[in-house]
N, C-alpha and C. Protein backbone atom coordinates (compact mmCIF):
# COMPACT_ATOMS: atom_id res chain seq x y z
N MET A 1 -45.25 13.74 10.78
CA MET A 1 -44.11 13.46 11.52
C MET A 1 -43.01 12.68 11.02
N PRO A 2 -41.79 12.93 10.92
CA PRO A 2 -40.78 12.30 10.33
C PRO A 2 -40.52 10.95 11.07
N SER A 3 -40.26 10.01 10.13
CA SER A 3 -39.82 8.65 10.73
C SER A 3 -38.58 8.53 11.23
N ALA A 4 -38.25 7.49 11.83
CA ALA A 4 -36.94 7.19 12.43
C ALA A 4 -35.76 7.27 11.31
N PHE A 5 -34.61 7.46 11.32
CA PHE A 5 -33.51 7.79 10.66
C PHE A 5 -32.25 7.27 10.93
N LYS A 6 -31.47 7.17 10.22
CA LYS A 6 -30.04 6.54 10.59
C LYS A 6 -29.09 7.57 10.32
N ARG A 7 -28.26 8.14 10.97
CA ARG A 7 -27.41 9.12 10.87
C ARG A 7 -26.14 8.56 10.20
N PRO A 8 -25.50 9.31 9.24
CA PRO A 8 -24.18 9.06 8.49
C PRO A 8 -23.11 8.57 9.58
N SER A 9 -22.51 7.68 9.41
CA SER A 9 -21.15 7.12 10.07
C SER A 9 -20.09 8.26 10.43
N TRP A 10 -19.34 8.16 11.40
CA TRP A 10 -18.39 9.18 11.62
C TRP A 10 -17.39 9.38 10.36
N ASP A 11 -17.05 8.45 9.80
CA ASP A 11 -16.21 8.42 8.60
C ASP A 11 -16.92 9.10 7.55
N SER A 12 -18.42 8.80 7.10
CA SER A 12 -19.04 9.53 6.16
C SER A 12 -19.13 10.86 6.42
N TYR A 13 -19.33 11.27 7.75
CA TYR A 13 -19.57 12.96 8.34
C TYR A 13 -18.32 13.49 7.97
N PHE A 14 -17.02 12.97 8.37
CA PHE A 14 -16.00 13.79 8.30
C PHE A 14 -15.41 13.73 6.67
N LEU A 15 -15.71 12.56 6.05
CA LEU A 15 -15.43 12.73 4.57
C LEU A 15 -16.16 13.99 3.82
N ALA A 16 -17.36 13.82 4.37
CA ALA A 16 -18.31 14.76 3.64
C ALA A 16 -17.79 16.38 4.11
N LEU A 17 -17.41 16.52 5.16
CA LEU A 17 -16.78 17.83 5.60
C LEU A 17 -15.69 18.06 4.73
N ALA A 18 -14.82 17.19 4.49
CA ALA A 18 -13.60 17.25 3.66
C ALA A 18 -14.07 17.70 2.37
N LYS A 19 -15.11 17.16 1.61
CA LYS A 19 -15.80 17.38 0.62
C LYS A 19 -16.19 18.86 0.61
N MET A 20 -16.79 19.17 1.61
CA MET A 20 -17.19 20.78 1.54
C MET A 20 -16.06 21.50 1.77
N ALA A 21 -15.04 21.39 2.61
CA ALA A 21 -13.87 22.17 2.31
C ALA A 21 -13.29 22.37 0.84
N ALA A 22 -13.42 21.15 0.28
CA ALA A 22 -12.90 21.33 -1.27
C ALA A 22 -13.65 22.27 -2.03
N SER A 23 -14.87 22.56 -1.74
CA SER A 23 -15.74 23.50 -2.39
C SER A 23 -15.14 24.86 -2.25
N ARG A 24 -14.19 25.42 -1.45
CA ARG A 24 -13.50 26.42 -1.37
C ARG A 24 -12.27 26.61 -2.22
N SER A 25 -12.08 25.42 -2.81
CA SER A 25 -10.60 25.29 -3.71
C SER A 25 -10.56 26.37 -4.78
N THR A 26 -9.36 26.82 -5.06
CA THR A 26 -9.41 27.78 -6.17
C THR A 26 -8.57 26.92 -7.28
N CYS A 27 -8.29 25.81 -7.28
CA CYS A 27 -7.32 25.07 -8.12
C CYS A 27 -8.50 24.46 -9.10
N LEU A 28 -7.91 24.75 -10.64
CA LEU A 28 -9.05 24.21 -11.71
C LEU A 28 -8.73 22.75 -12.16
N SER A 29 -7.83 22.28 -11.68
CA SER A 29 -7.49 20.90 -11.87
C SER A 29 -8.04 19.94 -10.93
N ARG A 30 -7.70 20.02 -9.71
CA ARG A 30 -8.21 19.17 -8.94
C ARG A 30 -8.65 19.79 -7.59
N PRO A 31 -9.82 20.14 -7.21
CA PRO A 31 -9.94 20.67 -5.88
C PRO A 31 -9.99 19.57 -5.00
N THR A 32 -9.48 20.08 -3.85
CA THR A 32 -9.26 18.88 -2.69
C THR A 32 -9.56 19.62 -1.36
N GLY A 33 -10.00 18.70 -0.63
CA GLY A 33 -10.22 19.21 1.13
C GLY A 33 -9.78 18.32 1.92
N CYS A 34 -9.63 18.69 3.15
CA CYS A 34 -8.80 17.95 4.28
C CYS A 34 -9.53 18.53 5.52
N VAL A 35 -9.80 17.39 6.44
CA VAL A 35 -10.31 17.78 7.65
C VAL A 35 -9.48 16.90 8.76
N ILE A 36 -8.83 17.37 9.52
CA ILE A 36 -8.18 16.83 10.91
C ILE A 36 -8.94 16.94 11.85
N ILE A 37 -9.09 15.77 12.55
CA ILE A 37 -9.87 15.29 13.61
C ILE A 37 -9.32 14.50 14.83
N ARG A 38 -9.59 14.68 16.02
CA ARG A 38 -9.10 13.66 17.00
C ARG A 38 -10.36 13.77 17.83
N ASP A 39 -10.70 12.39 18.60
CA ASP A 39 -11.68 12.07 19.43
C ASP A 39 -13.01 12.83 18.87
N LYS A 40 -13.36 12.41 17.56
CA LYS A 40 -14.53 12.94 16.90
C LYS A 40 -14.73 14.43 16.95
N GLN A 41 -13.61 15.26 17.14
CA GLN A 41 -13.65 16.64 17.18
C GLN A 41 -12.96 17.28 16.00
N VAL A 42 -13.49 18.27 15.19
CA VAL A 42 -12.65 18.92 14.03
C VAL A 42 -11.68 19.81 14.68
N LEU A 43 -10.38 19.52 14.24
CA LEU A 43 -9.19 20.30 14.80
C LEU A 43 -8.92 21.31 13.69
N SER A 44 -8.86 21.09 12.39
CA SER A 44 -8.48 21.86 11.46
C SER A 44 -9.02 21.48 10.03
N THR A 45 -9.26 22.42 9.19
CA THR A 45 -9.72 22.04 7.76
C THR A 45 -8.82 22.78 6.80
N GLY A 46 -8.74 22.14 5.63
CA GLY A 46 -7.77 23.03 4.49
C GLY A 46 -8.47 22.75 3.16
N TYR A 47 -8.00 23.70 2.32
CA TYR A 47 -8.47 23.08 0.91
C TYR A 47 -7.19 23.64 0.11
N ASN A 48 -7.13 23.23 -1.28
CA ASN A 48 -5.88 23.69 -2.18
C ASN A 48 -6.28 25.10 -2.65
N GLY A 49 -5.30 25.93 -2.58
CA GLY A 49 -5.43 27.19 -3.24
C GLY A 49 -4.22 28.02 -3.07
N SER A 50 -4.19 29.22 -3.67
CA SER A 50 -2.75 29.94 -3.64
C SER A 50 -2.87 30.50 -2.27
N MET A 51 -1.39 31.10 -2.12
CA MET A 51 -0.99 31.67 -0.93
C MET A 51 -1.74 33.16 -0.94
N PRO A 52 -2.17 33.60 0.33
CA PRO A 52 -2.44 34.88 0.38
C PRO A 52 -1.77 36.02 -0.43
N GLY A 53 -2.65 36.66 -1.00
CA GLY A 53 -1.97 37.73 -1.87
C GLY A 53 -1.35 37.57 -3.25
N VAL A 54 -1.71 35.96 -3.53
CA VAL A 54 -1.27 35.77 -4.94
C VAL A 54 -2.45 35.34 -5.62
N PRO A 55 -2.58 35.76 -7.04
CA PRO A 55 -3.94 35.45 -7.68
C PRO A 55 -4.24 34.07 -7.64
N HIS A 56 -5.46 33.80 -7.76
CA HIS A 56 -5.84 32.22 -7.55
C HIS A 56 -5.93 31.82 -8.99
N CYS A 57 -5.75 30.64 -9.38
CA CYS A 57 -6.24 30.20 -10.95
C CYS A 57 -7.75 30.31 -11.28
N SER A 58 -8.51 30.14 -10.16
CA SER A 58 -9.95 30.11 -10.50
C SER A 58 -10.24 31.53 -10.85
N ASP A 59 -9.81 32.51 -10.26
CA ASP A 59 -10.11 34.03 -10.52
C ASP A 59 -9.49 34.36 -11.98
N GLU A 60 -8.52 33.62 -12.41
CA GLU A 60 -7.71 34.16 -13.71
C GLU A 60 -8.48 33.35 -14.85
N GLY A 61 -8.94 32.16 -14.39
CA GLY A 61 -9.61 31.31 -15.27
C GLY A 61 -8.48 30.29 -16.07
N VAL A 62 -7.24 30.13 -15.56
CA VAL A 62 -6.36 29.66 -16.18
C VAL A 62 -5.39 28.60 -15.13
N CYS A 63 -4.86 27.63 -15.19
CA CYS A 63 -4.19 26.95 -14.42
C CYS A 63 -2.44 27.74 -14.57
N TYR A 64 -2.08 28.11 -13.79
CA TYR A 64 -0.74 29.00 -13.86
C TYR A 64 0.25 27.99 -14.29
N ARG A 65 0.51 26.79 -13.77
CA ARG A 65 1.48 25.73 -14.03
C ARG A 65 1.29 25.30 -15.63
N ARG A 66 0.15 25.14 -15.84
CA ARG A 66 -0.23 24.71 -17.53
C ARG A 66 0.01 25.89 -18.37
N SER A 67 -0.29 27.09 -17.97
CA SER A 67 -0.27 28.34 -18.78
C SER A 67 1.24 28.44 -19.15
N ILE A 68 2.29 28.36 -18.31
CA ILE A 68 3.72 28.32 -18.48
C ILE A 68 4.33 26.94 -19.14
N LYS A 69 3.47 26.14 -19.46
CA LYS A 69 3.77 25.00 -19.94
C LYS A 69 4.81 24.07 -19.20
N ALA A 70 4.76 24.13 -17.64
CA ALA A 70 5.70 23.56 -16.94
C ALA A 70 5.42 22.09 -17.12
N PRO A 71 6.49 21.24 -17.16
CA PRO A 71 6.57 19.75 -17.56
C PRO A 71 5.91 19.15 -16.00
N ASP A 72 5.36 18.01 -16.32
CA ASP A 72 4.80 17.26 -15.36
C ASP A 72 5.77 16.90 -14.02
N HIS A 73 7.01 16.68 -14.48
CA HIS A 73 7.85 16.32 -13.24
C HIS A 73 8.44 17.55 -12.59
N ALA A 74 8.04 18.70 -13.07
CA ALA A 74 8.20 19.99 -12.27
C ALA A 74 6.99 20.80 -11.65
N LYS A 75 5.80 19.99 -11.67
CA LYS A 75 4.60 20.46 -11.42
C LYS A 75 4.56 21.20 -10.17
N TYR A 76 5.10 20.45 -9.05
CA TYR A 76 5.34 21.05 -7.65
C TYR A 76 6.06 22.45 -7.63
N ASP A 77 6.99 22.54 -8.63
CA ASP A 77 7.92 23.65 -8.61
C ASP A 77 7.33 25.04 -9.09
N PHE A 78 6.07 24.77 -9.87
CA PHE A 78 5.28 25.89 -10.33
C PHE A 78 3.93 26.00 -10.18
N CYS A 79 3.39 25.20 -9.59
CA CYS A 79 2.24 25.15 -9.00
C CYS A 79 1.94 26.32 -7.64
N ARG A 80 1.02 27.21 -8.07
CA ARG A 80 0.63 28.12 -7.06
C ARG A 80 -0.04 27.73 -5.75
N SER A 81 -0.79 26.71 -5.87
CA SER A 81 -1.46 26.16 -4.71
C SER A 81 -0.83 25.53 -3.64
N ILE A 82 -1.37 25.78 -2.59
CA ILE A 82 -0.79 25.22 -1.22
C ILE A 82 -1.92 23.95 -1.20
N HIS A 83 -1.44 22.83 -0.94
CA HIS A 83 -2.29 21.53 -0.90
C HIS A 83 -3.19 21.70 0.25
N SER A 84 -4.20 20.95 0.13
CA SER A 84 -5.26 21.15 1.53
C SER A 84 -4.69 20.55 2.73
N GLU A 85 -3.88 19.63 2.58
CA GLU A 85 -3.21 19.06 3.86
C GLU A 85 -2.33 20.01 4.45
N ALA A 86 -1.42 20.69 3.62
CA ALA A 86 -0.55 21.67 4.24
C ALA A 86 -1.16 22.92 4.78
N ASN A 87 -2.20 23.25 3.98
CA ASN A 87 -2.97 24.28 4.44
C ASN A 87 -3.82 23.93 5.87
N ALA A 88 -4.20 22.87 6.08
CA ALA A 88 -4.80 22.25 7.43
C ALA A 88 -3.80 22.35 8.51
N ILE A 89 -2.63 21.69 8.15
CA ILE A 89 -1.47 21.58 9.12
C ILE A 89 -0.96 22.94 9.54
N ALA A 90 -0.94 24.08 8.53
CA ALA A 90 -0.67 25.35 8.81
C ALA A 90 -1.64 26.09 9.81
N LEU A 91 -2.69 26.07 9.21
CA LEU A 91 -3.77 26.51 10.03
C LEU A 91 -4.06 26.02 11.78
N ALA A 92 -3.66 24.74 11.94
CA ALA A 92 -3.72 24.31 13.19
C ALA A 92 -2.59 24.85 13.94
N ALA A 93 -1.17 24.93 13.02
CA ALA A 93 -0.10 25.32 13.88
C ALA A 93 -0.20 26.94 14.22
N ARG A 94 -0.72 27.71 13.35
CA ARG A 94 -0.86 29.01 13.43
C ARG A 94 -2.05 29.25 14.63
N CYS A 95 -2.81 28.43 15.00
CA CYS A 95 -3.78 28.66 16.04
C CYS A 95 -3.27 28.03 17.01
N GLY A 96 -2.18 27.34 17.14
CA GLY A 96 -1.58 26.85 18.39
C GLY A 96 -2.40 25.39 18.71
N ILE A 97 -3.01 24.53 17.78
CA ILE A 97 -3.63 23.44 17.93
C ILE A 97 -2.84 22.17 17.53
N SER A 98 -2.35 21.34 18.55
CA SER A 98 -1.58 19.86 18.35
C SER A 98 -2.63 18.98 17.64
N ILE A 99 -1.97 18.43 16.40
CA ILE A 99 -2.60 17.51 15.60
C ILE A 99 -2.03 16.15 15.96
N GLU A 100 -1.10 16.13 16.85
CA GLU A 100 -0.62 14.83 17.23
C GLU A 100 -1.51 13.58 17.64
N GLY A 101 -1.39 12.57 16.91
CA GLY A 101 -2.56 11.51 17.25
C GLY A 101 -3.68 11.65 16.69
N ALA A 102 -3.83 12.72 15.50
CA ALA A 102 -5.14 12.73 14.94
C ALA A 102 -5.36 11.84 13.78
N THR A 103 -6.51 12.04 13.19
CA THR A 103 -6.87 11.42 11.87
C THR A 103 -7.14 12.53 11.03
N ALA A 104 -6.63 12.06 9.77
CA ALA A 104 -7.07 13.39 8.60
C ALA A 104 -7.78 12.53 7.52
N TYR A 105 -8.77 13.20 7.06
CA TYR A 105 -9.72 12.93 6.08
C TYR A 105 -9.40 13.81 4.81
N PHE A 106 -9.28 13.26 3.69
CA PHE A 106 -8.99 13.69 2.37
C PHE A 106 -10.01 13.30 1.22
N THR A 107 -10.26 14.30 0.45
CA THR A 107 -10.93 13.95 -0.81
C THR A 107 -9.89 13.30 -1.81
N LEU A 108 -8.64 13.53 -1.66
CA LEU A 108 -7.58 12.90 -2.48
C LEU A 108 -6.36 12.48 -1.76
N PHE A 109 -5.94 11.00 -1.97
CA PHE A 109 -4.71 10.81 -1.19
C PHE A 109 -3.53 11.79 -1.25
N PRO A 110 -2.85 12.04 -0.17
CA PRO A 110 -1.97 13.12 -0.33
C PRO A 110 -0.80 12.75 -0.92
N CYS A 111 -0.19 13.74 -1.70
CA CYS A 111 1.06 13.63 -2.42
C CYS A 111 2.01 13.21 -1.38
N TYR A 112 3.26 12.75 -1.95
CA TYR A 112 4.30 12.20 -1.17
C TYR A 112 4.98 13.44 -0.10
N VAL A 113 5.09 14.37 -0.71
CA VAL A 113 5.35 15.82 0.12
C VAL A 113 4.37 15.96 1.20
N CYS A 114 3.13 16.04 1.11
CA CYS A 114 2.36 16.37 2.16
C CYS A 114 2.19 15.23 3.07
N THR A 115 2.44 13.89 2.38
CA THR A 115 2.40 12.62 3.35
C THR A 115 3.41 12.66 4.35
N LYS A 116 4.60 13.40 4.03
CA LYS A 116 5.73 13.38 4.85
C LYS A 116 5.38 14.55 6.15
N LEU A 117 4.74 15.66 5.54
CA LEU A 117 4.35 16.55 6.50
C LEU A 117 3.44 15.99 7.43
N LEU A 118 2.64 15.41 7.05
CA LEU A 118 1.19 14.58 8.00
C LEU A 118 1.89 13.64 8.92
N VAL A 119 2.94 12.76 8.55
CA VAL A 119 3.71 11.90 9.40
C VAL A 119 4.40 12.58 10.45
N ARG A 120 5.08 13.76 9.97
CA ARG A 120 6.05 14.46 10.85
C ARG A 120 5.11 15.32 11.84
N ALA A 121 3.79 15.68 11.56
CA ALA A 121 2.99 16.32 12.37
C ALA A 121 2.14 15.62 13.30
N GLY A 122 2.50 14.23 13.35
CA GLY A 122 1.95 13.34 14.12
C GLY A 122 0.53 12.70 13.98
N ILE A 123 0.25 12.85 12.55
CA ILE A 123 -1.11 12.19 12.18
C ILE A 123 -1.04 10.67 12.14
N ARG A 124 -1.95 9.94 12.83
CA ARG A 124 -1.60 8.64 12.89
C ARG A 124 -2.89 7.68 12.01
N GLU A 125 -3.61 8.34 11.43
CA GLU A 125 -4.51 7.62 10.35
C GLU A 125 -4.68 8.69 9.27
N ILE A 126 -4.75 8.18 7.91
CA ILE A 126 -5.14 8.75 6.67
C ILE A 126 -6.02 7.81 5.96
N VAL A 127 -7.35 8.94 5.97
CA VAL A 127 -8.52 8.31 5.54
C VAL A 127 -8.73 9.16 4.05
N TYR A 128 -8.83 8.42 3.11
CA TYR A 128 -8.98 9.19 1.83
C TYR A 128 -10.08 8.53 0.93
N GLU A 129 -10.56 9.52 0.11
CA GLU A 129 -11.69 9.10 -0.87
C GLU A 129 -11.01 8.36 -2.32
N ILE A 130 -10.29 9.12 -2.82
CA ILE A 130 -9.94 8.59 -4.19
C ILE A 130 -8.10 8.62 -4.20
N GLY A 131 -7.64 7.72 -4.95
CA GLY A 131 -6.19 7.66 -4.90
C GLY A 131 -5.61 8.92 -5.70
N TYR A 132 -4.18 9.02 -5.43
CA TYR A 132 -3.62 10.13 -6.13
C TYR A 132 -3.65 9.95 -7.67
N GLU A 133 -3.27 8.76 -8.21
CA GLU A 133 -3.49 8.59 -9.60
C GLU A 133 -2.14 9.33 -10.17
N SER A 134 -1.11 9.21 -9.89
CA SER A 134 0.11 9.90 -10.34
C SER A 134 0.66 9.11 -11.29
N LYS A 135 1.40 9.68 -12.37
CA LYS A 135 2.32 9.02 -13.35
C LYS A 135 3.48 8.20 -12.74
N HIS A 136 3.87 8.59 -11.39
CA HIS A 136 4.93 7.78 -10.82
C HIS A 136 4.61 6.85 -9.92
N VAL A 137 3.91 5.90 -10.45
CA VAL A 137 3.57 4.61 -9.67
C VAL A 137 4.53 4.16 -8.49
N LYS A 138 5.82 3.97 -8.88
CA LYS A 138 6.66 3.30 -8.38
C LYS A 138 7.07 4.22 -7.11
N ARG A 139 7.29 5.48 -7.33
CA ARG A 139 7.42 6.44 -6.09
C ARG A 139 6.41 6.53 -5.17
N ASP A 140 5.13 6.70 -5.89
CA ASP A 140 3.70 6.55 -4.90
C ASP A 140 3.73 5.27 -4.03
N LYS A 141 3.95 4.16 -4.45
CA LYS A 141 3.92 2.89 -3.75
C LYS A 141 5.27 2.91 -2.94
N HIS A 142 6.14 3.28 -3.14
CA HIS A 142 7.38 3.70 -1.96
C HIS A 142 6.95 4.44 -0.82
N TRP A 143 6.34 5.50 -1.22
CA TRP A 143 5.93 6.56 0.11
C TRP A 143 4.84 6.02 0.87
N ARG A 144 3.88 5.19 0.04
CA ARG A 144 2.77 4.50 0.94
C ARG A 144 3.43 3.52 1.83
N GLU A 145 4.29 2.94 1.39
CA GLU A 145 4.97 1.73 2.15
C GLU A 145 5.65 2.42 3.46
N VAL A 146 6.38 3.40 3.05
CA VAL A 146 7.14 4.29 4.22
C VAL A 146 6.23 4.59 5.17
N VAL A 147 5.08 5.16 4.75
CA VAL A 147 3.84 5.46 5.80
C VAL A 147 3.48 4.45 6.61
N GLU A 148 3.17 3.40 6.03
CA GLU A 148 2.90 2.29 6.83
C GLU A 148 4.13 1.62 7.71
N GLU A 149 5.19 1.85 7.30
CA GLU A 149 6.14 1.60 8.32
C GLU A 149 6.39 2.42 9.35
N ALA A 150 5.79 3.70 9.40
CA ALA A 150 5.67 4.70 10.63
C ALA A 150 4.55 4.35 11.27
N ASN A 151 4.08 3.20 11.00
CA ASN A 151 2.87 2.86 12.02
C ASN A 151 1.66 3.97 11.64
N VAL A 152 1.45 4.51 10.43
CA VAL A 152 0.27 5.56 10.17
C VAL A 152 -0.66 4.37 9.44
N ARG A 153 -1.83 4.51 9.85
CA ARG A 153 -3.05 3.72 9.24
C ARG A 153 -3.43 4.36 8.10
N ILE A 154 -3.66 3.55 7.20
CA ILE A 154 -4.31 4.20 5.71
C ILE A 154 -5.48 3.49 5.42
N ARG A 155 -6.55 4.10 5.08
CA ARG A 155 -7.85 3.76 4.77
C ARG A 155 -8.54 4.48 3.56
N GLN A 156 -9.14 3.77 2.81
CA GLN A 156 -9.99 4.47 1.88
C GLN A 156 -11.47 4.34 2.18
N VAL A 157 -12.12 5.27 2.12
CA VAL A 157 -13.55 5.60 2.41
C VAL A 157 -14.37 6.19 1.25
N LYS A 158 -15.66 5.59 0.84
CA LYS A 158 -16.37 6.08 0.01
C LYS A 158 -17.73 6.45 0.44
N LEU A 159 -18.20 7.53 0.24
CA LEU A 159 -19.74 7.75 0.71
C LEU A 159 -20.60 6.93 -0.04
N SER A 160 -21.65 6.29 0.67
CA SER A 160 -22.60 5.53 0.03
C SER A 160 -23.89 6.26 -0.80
N LYS A 161 -24.52 5.73 -1.56
CA LYS A 161 -25.52 6.40 -2.18
C LYS A 161 -26.61 6.79 -1.17
N GLU A 162 -26.65 6.07 -0.24
CA GLU A 162 -27.51 6.68 0.91
C GLU A 162 -27.11 7.95 1.66
N ASP A 163 -25.74 7.98 1.94
CA ASP A 163 -25.10 9.16 2.44
C ASP A 163 -25.25 10.35 1.56
N LYS A 164 -24.91 10.41 0.25
CA LYS A 164 -24.99 11.26 -0.58
C LYS A 164 -26.22 11.89 -0.68
N LYS A 165 -27.29 11.07 -0.70
CA LYS A 165 -28.80 11.54 -0.56
C LYS A 165 -29.16 12.21 0.76
N TRP A 166 -28.70 11.75 1.81
CA TRP A 166 -28.69 12.42 3.21
C TRP A 166 -28.14 13.71 3.20
N PHE A 167 -26.84 13.85 2.73
CA PHE A 167 -26.06 15.11 2.71
C PHE A 167 -26.78 16.04 1.63
N LYS A 168 -27.42 15.67 0.50
CA LYS A 168 -28.02 16.39 -0.41
C LYS A 168 -29.12 17.13 0.21
N GLY A 169 -29.94 16.27 0.90
CA GLY A 169 -31.08 16.93 1.55
C GLY A 169 -30.86 18.18 2.28
N PHE A 170 -29.64 17.99 3.12
CA PHE A 170 -29.32 19.05 4.04
C PHE A 170 -28.91 20.25 3.35
N LEU A 171 -28.29 20.16 1.85
CA LEU A 171 -27.81 21.18 1.23
C LEU A 171 -28.85 21.87 0.31
N GLU A 172 -29.78 21.14 -0.07
CA GLU A 172 -30.75 21.55 -0.84
C GLU A 172 -32.01 22.27 -0.23
N ASP A 173 -32.16 21.75 1.18
CA ASP A 173 -33.28 22.33 1.74
C ASP A 173 -32.81 23.24 2.82
N ASP A 174 -33.87 24.05 3.58
CA ASP A 174 -33.51 24.91 4.62
C ASP A 174 -33.18 24.04 5.54
N THR A 175 -32.05 23.72 5.92
CA THR A 175 -31.56 22.77 7.09
C THR A 175 -32.36 22.72 8.27
N SER A 176 -32.43 24.06 8.79
CA SER A 176 -33.17 24.05 10.25
C SER A 176 -34.62 24.40 10.19
N ARG A 177 -35.29 24.14 8.98
CA ARG A 177 -36.72 24.44 8.97
C ARG A 177 -37.21 23.32 9.99
N ARG A 178 -38.43 23.78 10.60
CA ARG A 178 -39.06 22.75 11.66
C ARG A 178 -39.42 21.62 11.01
N ARG A 179 -39.30 20.56 11.62
CA ARG A 179 -39.84 19.04 10.90
C ARG A 179 -40.96 18.57 11.70
N LEU A 180 -41.20 19.10 13.03
CA LEU A 180 -42.18 18.71 13.59
C LEU A 180 -43.00 19.86 14.04
N PRO A 181 -44.27 19.78 14.36
CA PRO A 181 -45.12 20.70 14.75
C PRO A 181 -44.76 21.39 15.90
N SER A 182 -45.03 22.65 16.10
CA SER A 182 -44.44 23.37 17.33
C SER A 182 -45.42 22.98 18.47
N THR A 183 -45.15 22.80 19.47
CA THR A 183 -45.82 22.48 20.71
C THR A 183 -46.41 23.61 21.51
């Protein structure tokens, strides 16, 4: 008979869902995922990948932007991928789902373009796993300050070793295999 157990926190649960969304990414450089929630309910998800009908870098085995030698300062101008945040916002809009007042969980802190979209869409809290690590530290610091001025809460969350083990167990085993004997 299984012993008592502690479920992951809501933060860990939603971050794990964002990590699972990232598993669908077609970006060779930085797979990212996003989950938008309100009242502990998932409203929308997204991952970074090419527009519908456009080749995916993962299918071609090469990053398009890097293959044409686009400079770092022009990376958004030549990247085929739509960021996970933009995809999650677009999916919600396409399905008529308001995300105003919601919380968004990310595997990567949003870029400044997506950050502006999130604030405009009404996201009230940004929860992220790792920082963006841009070469433009001053710009990124500026946009983070602007977001805080807009009264959007920003928090960083990491999965604990225990949470990773818990989720790994669900991925490696047959999740719904009977745990207790049938009565």
